[in-house]
Protein backbone atom coordinates (compact mmCIF):
# COMPACT_ATOMS: atom_id res chain seq x y z
CA MET A 1 18.51 52.04 5.44
CA ARG A 2 22.13 51.31 6.19
CA PHE A 3 23.76 49.36 9.01
CA ASP A 4 27.50 49.59 9.54
CA VAL A 5 28.85 46.71 11.61
CA ILE A 6 32.07 47.10 13.59
CA THR A 7 33.46 43.62 14.29
CA LEU A 8 36.63 41.62 14.77
CA PHE A 9 35.08 38.78 12.76
CA PRO A 10 33.52 40.10 9.52
CA GLU A 11 33.89 36.60 8.04
CA LEU A 12 30.91 35.48 10.16
CA PHE A 13 28.45 37.58 8.15
CA PRO A 14 28.56 36.74 4.39
CA ALA A 15 26.64 33.45 4.65
CA PHE A 16 24.02 35.08 6.86
CA LEU A 17 23.55 37.96 4.41
CA SER A 18 23.19 35.69 1.37
CA ALA A 19 20.94 32.89 2.67
CA GLY A 20 17.26 32.54 3.49
CA VAL A 21 14.32 34.75 2.70
CA THR A 22 15.88 37.83 4.31
CA ARG A 23 18.64 37.86 1.69
CA ARG A 24 16.16 39.70 -0.52
CA ALA A 25 16.38 42.73 1.75
CA PHE A 26 20.19 42.68 1.72
CA GLU A 27 20.64 41.92 -2.00
CA SER A 28 18.10 44.56 -3.05
CA GLY A 29 19.72 47.22 -0.88
CA GLN A 30 16.59 47.78 1.18
CA VAL A 31 18.82 46.98 4.13
CA GLU A 32 22.39 47.89 3.25
CA VAL A 33 25.02 46.26 5.47
CA LYS A 34 28.66 47.31 5.45
CA LEU A 35 31.21 45.38 7.51
CA TRP A 36 34.18 47.04 9.17
CA ASN A 37 37.08 45.03 10.53
CA LEU A 38 38.23 46.74 13.72
CA ARG A 39 41.81 45.55 13.24
CA ASP A 40 42.09 47.75 10.15
CA PHE A 41 42.00 50.76 12.48
CA ALA A 42 44.53 49.54 15.04
CA GLN A 43 48.01 51.00 15.30
CA GLY A 44 51.36 49.21 15.25
CA SER A 45 52.60 46.15 13.43
CA TYR A 46 50.55 43.83 15.64
CA ARG A 47 47.26 45.65 14.95
CA ARG A 48 46.41 45.41 18.62
CA VAL A 49 42.79 46.16 19.50
CA ASP A 50 42.71 45.05 23.13
CA ASP A 51 44.66 45.21 26.37
CA ARG A 52 44.40 44.20 30.01
CA PRO A 53 41.98 46.14 32.23
CA PHE A 54 43.25 48.76 34.63
CA GLY A 55 42.81 47.54 38.20
CA GLY A 56 43.51 43.95 37.26
CA GLY A 57 41.14 41.10 36.67
CA PRO A 58 40.62 38.46 34.01
CA GLY A 59 40.14 38.98 30.31
CA MET A 60 40.90 41.79 27.93
CA VAL A 61 39.18 45.07 27.03
CA LEU A 62 38.69 46.48 23.53
CA LEU A 63 40.65 49.71 23.19
CA ALA A 64 38.83 52.99 22.70
CA GLU A 65 41.11 54.44 19.99
CA PRO A 66 40.63 51.80 17.26
CA LEU A 67 36.89 51.94 17.86
CA HIS A 68 36.98 55.72 17.67
CA GLN A 69 38.96 55.74 14.42
CA CYS A 70 36.65 53.16 12.84
CA LEU A 71 33.59 55.17 13.83
CA LEU A 72 35.10 58.35 12.39
CA ARG A 73 35.61 56.61 9.04
CA ILE A 74 32.03 55.35 9.06
CA GLN A 75 30.66 58.78 9.91
CA SER A 76 32.66 60.32 7.09
CA GLU A 77 30.97 57.97 4.61
CA ARG A 78 27.42 58.32 5.88
CA ALA A 79 25.18 61.21 4.92
CA ASP A 80 23.30 61.06 8.22
CA THR A 81 24.14 61.15 11.91
CA ALA A 82 23.60 57.47 12.62
CA PRO A 83 22.83 56.13 16.09
CA VAL A 84 25.58 53.96 17.57
CA VAL A 85 24.29 50.70 19.02
CA LEU A 86 26.23 48.49 21.41
CA PHE A 87 25.02 44.97 22.20
CA SER A 88 25.34 44.70 25.96
CA PRO A 89 23.76 42.90 28.95
CA ILE A 90 22.65 46.26 30.36
CA GLY A 91 20.81 47.21 27.17
CA GLU A 92 17.12 47.41 26.36
CA PRO A 93 15.71 43.93 25.64
CA LEU A 94 15.28 43.30 21.93
CA ARG A 95 11.51 43.00 21.66
CA GLN A 96 9.33 43.19 18.56
CA ALA A 97 8.36 46.80 19.28
CA VAL A 98 12.06 47.70 19.31
CA VAL A 99 12.60 45.87 16.02
CA GLN A 100 9.69 47.73 14.43
CA ARG A 101 11.22 51.06 15.42
CA TRP A 102 14.55 50.15 13.82
CA SER A 103 12.81 48.74 10.72
CA GLY A 104 11.50 52.20 9.90
CA SER A 105 14.73 54.03 10.69
CA GLY A 106 17.69 55.07 8.57
CA GLY A 107 19.82 52.37 10.17
CA ALA A 108 22.66 52.55 12.68
CA VAL A 109 26.25 51.69 13.49
CA LEU A 110 26.31 48.31 15.26
CA VAL A 111 29.24 47.73 17.60
CA CYS A 112 30.02 44.08 18.27
CA GLY A 113 31.94 43.80 21.51
CA ARG A 114 34.31 41.00 22.46
CA TYR A 115 36.27 39.80 25.49
CA GLU A 116 35.36 41.59 28.74
CA GLY A 117 33.83 44.48 26.83
CA LEU A 118 34.74 47.95 25.56
CA ASP A 119 36.64 50.77 27.19
CA GLN A 120 33.87 52.65 28.97
CA ARG A 121 35.11 55.98 27.64
CA PHE A 122 34.17 55.02 24.08
CA ILE A 123 30.71 54.05 25.33
CA ASP A 124 30.32 57.32 27.22
CA VAL A 125 31.32 59.44 24.22
CA HIS A 126 29.79 57.61 21.28
CA VAL A 127 27.19 54.95 22.13
CA THR A 128 23.61 56.20 21.88
CA HIS A 129 21.70 52.91 22.34
CA GLN A 130 22.40 49.60 24.06
CA ILE A 131 20.48 46.42 23.23
CA SER A 132 20.38 43.02 24.93
CA LEU A 133 19.14 39.70 23.51
CA GLY A 134 18.38 38.42 27.00
CA ASP A 135 19.81 37.44 30.34
CA PHE A 136 22.73 35.40 29.04
CA VAL A 137 26.24 36.11 27.79
CA LEU A 138 27.58 35.56 24.26
CA SER A 139 31.19 35.44 23.13
CA GLY A 140 30.62 38.61 21.13
CA GLY A 141 28.04 40.92 19.65
CA GLU A 142 28.00 39.38 16.18
CA VAL A 143 25.13 36.96 16.90
CA ALA A 144 23.14 39.82 18.42
CA ALA A 145 23.83 42.02 15.38
CA MET A 146 22.62 39.25 13.07
CA ALA A 147 19.47 38.85 15.17
CA LEU A 148 18.65 42.55 14.83
CA LEU A 149 19.46 42.60 11.10
CA ASP A 150 17.33 39.51 10.45
CA ALA A 151 14.38 40.85 12.43
CA VAL A 152 14.56 44.22 10.67
CA ALA A 153 15.04 42.72 7.20
CA ARG A 154 11.96 40.50 7.34
CA LEU A 155 9.77 43.54 8.04
CA GLN A 156 10.79 45.28 4.81
CA PRO A 157 8.21 45.35 1.97
CA GLY A 158 8.47 42.44 -0.43
CA VAL A 159 10.87 40.37 1.66
CA LEU A 160 8.28 37.81 2.77
CA HIS A 161 6.17 36.02 0.16
CA ASP A 162 2.96 37.19 1.85
CA ALA A 163 2.98 40.88 2.73
CA ASP A 164 0.75 40.14 5.74
CA SER A 165 2.92 37.32 7.16
CA HIS A 166 4.75 39.38 9.72
CA ALA A 167 1.46 40.89 10.91
CA GLN A 168 0.60 37.44 12.29
CA ASP A 169 3.89 37.01 14.14
CA SER A 170 4.05 36.59 17.87
CA PHE A 171 4.24 39.94 19.70
CA SER A 172 2.92 41.88 16.69
CA PRO A 173 0.39 44.72 17.16
CA ALA A 174 -2.08 42.84 14.95
CA LEU A 175 -2.12 40.08 17.57
CA ASP A 176 -2.30 42.62 20.41
CA GLY A 177 1.18 41.58 21.52
CA LEU A 178 0.15 37.96 22.18
CA LEU A 179 1.93 34.77 21.19
CA ASP A 180 0.86 33.19 17.92
CA CYS A 181 -1.39 30.13 17.80
CA PRO A 182 -0.37 26.58 16.74
CA HIS A 183 -0.31 25.84 13.00
CA TYR A 184 -1.03 22.63 11.07
CA SER A 185 -0.55 21.35 7.51
CA ARG A 186 -0.91 18.11 5.54
CA PRO A 187 -1.58 15.29 6.21
CA GLU A 188 -4.81 15.67 8.18
CA SER A 189 -3.73 12.82 10.45
CA TRP A 190 -0.10 12.23 11.42
CA GLN A 191 0.97 9.40 13.72
CA GLY A 192 -2.52 9.22 15.14
CA ARG A 193 -2.78 12.96 15.77
CA ALA A 194 -5.52 14.77 13.88
CA VAL A 195 -5.74 18.39 12.84
CA PRO A 196 -8.30 20.27 15.02
CA PRO A 197 -11.65 19.83 13.22
CA VAL A 198 -12.45 23.55 13.21
CA LEU A 199 -9.52 24.18 10.87
CA LEU A 200 -11.07 21.84 8.31
CA SER A 201 -14.56 23.31 8.61
CA GLY A 202 -14.19 26.17 6.17
CA HIS A 203 -16.02 28.40 8.66
CA HIS A 204 -13.69 31.40 8.78
CA VAL A 205 -15.34 33.14 11.71
CA GLN A 206 -15.07 30.02 13.86
CA ILE A 207 -11.50 29.45 12.70
CA GLU A 208 -10.49 32.96 13.65
CA ARG A 209 -12.17 32.61 17.07
CA TRP A 210 -10.33 29.31 17.63
CA ARG A 211 -7.03 30.92 16.72
CA ARG A 212 -7.69 33.87 19.02
CA ASP A 213 -8.58 31.51 21.87
CA GLN A 214 -5.42 29.51 21.29
CA ARG A 215 -3.30 32.67 21.30
CA LEU A 216 -4.89 33.86 24.53
CA GLN A 217 -4.59 30.51 26.27
CA LEU A 218 -1.03 29.85 25.17
CA THR A 219 0.06 33.36 26.16
CA ALA A 220 -1.67 33.11 29.53
CA LEU A 221 0.18 29.88 30.28
CA GLN A 222 3.61 30.77 28.88
CA ARG A 223 3.83 34.57 29.06
CA PRO A 224 1.19 35.92 31.45
CA ASP A 225 2.99 39.26 31.45
CA LEU A 226 1.90 39.76 27.83
CA VAL A 227 -1.72 39.13 28.75
CA SER A 228 -1.43 41.65 31.58
CA ALA A 229 -0.02 44.22 29.13
CA ALA A 230 -2.83 43.60 26.64
CA ARG A 231 -5.40 43.89 29.41
CA ALA A 232 -3.87 47.12 30.72
CA ALA A 233 -4.02 48.57 27.20
CA ARG A 234 -7.68 47.51 26.95
CA ARG A 235 -7.04 45.34 23.93
CA LEU A 236 -9.03 42.34 25.24
CA SER A 237 -12.71 41.90 24.47
CA THR A 238 -15.40 40.31 26.61
CA ALA A 239 -15.03 37.14 24.54
CA ASP A 240 -11.27 37.22 25.16
CA GLU A 241 -11.78 37.47 28.91
CA ALA A 242 -14.24 34.57 28.79
CA SER A 243 -11.63 32.51 26.94
CA LEU A 244 -9.01 33.33 29.55
CA ALA A 245 -11.39 32.40 32.34
CA GLN A 246 -11.94 29.04 30.64
CA THR A 247 -8.17 28.55 30.45
CA GLN A 248 -7.92 28.90 34.22
CA LYS A 249 -10.48 26.13 34.62
CA ASN A 250 -9.13 23.87 31.89
CA PRO A 251 -5.45 24.61 31.11
CA LEU A 252 -4.07 23.43 27.76
């Protein structure tokens, strides 16, 4: 898959693409990333890519024409008709289900906005998807683009050491969309705090039940909306409901 990133700050990306476990996806070409500096498509000696908004007001707006010219160049190099994604507060929240859809796609053109935003006419003509990281505002779309690229890259085969690792992530279908449980490692006792005995028992059925209970209880306390969604989809067993009932009596 290929992601083309339109940005005013391509220098932000090289370290991200070459560090950590996800670099395997980028270095192998499983997830190809090509960076496009928007200023290269601006006209005039000043390479201007922004101007003041019509109607007045603070800030600047990215001009439609440089964005359009950059997108045309990208489209001329791609063999497919790639979706055009803008990172925007009005977009669909970036949830795991959204990441999984993109992880099996052919990629996209990622538009990293800046300043007060983009000329709406470019959005109306070219943007096919809008994505939001949450109810907060960033200085630009680069951090959001990296978040999507990282989340997609780690789902590619062979990127994680254990092929089943991402199946145990929070929000994953294997966990019925619940939060993951707490994890422990050596030493068995640390600053007077012991590892839960069940994890040392070697009894795998009991361990899995403990982990399921922890996931249910933690999700019920921190993200009850996820429990409601799992219940509506009929993904909770009788034992799960009993665990949730116990949580109401004895919260973590």
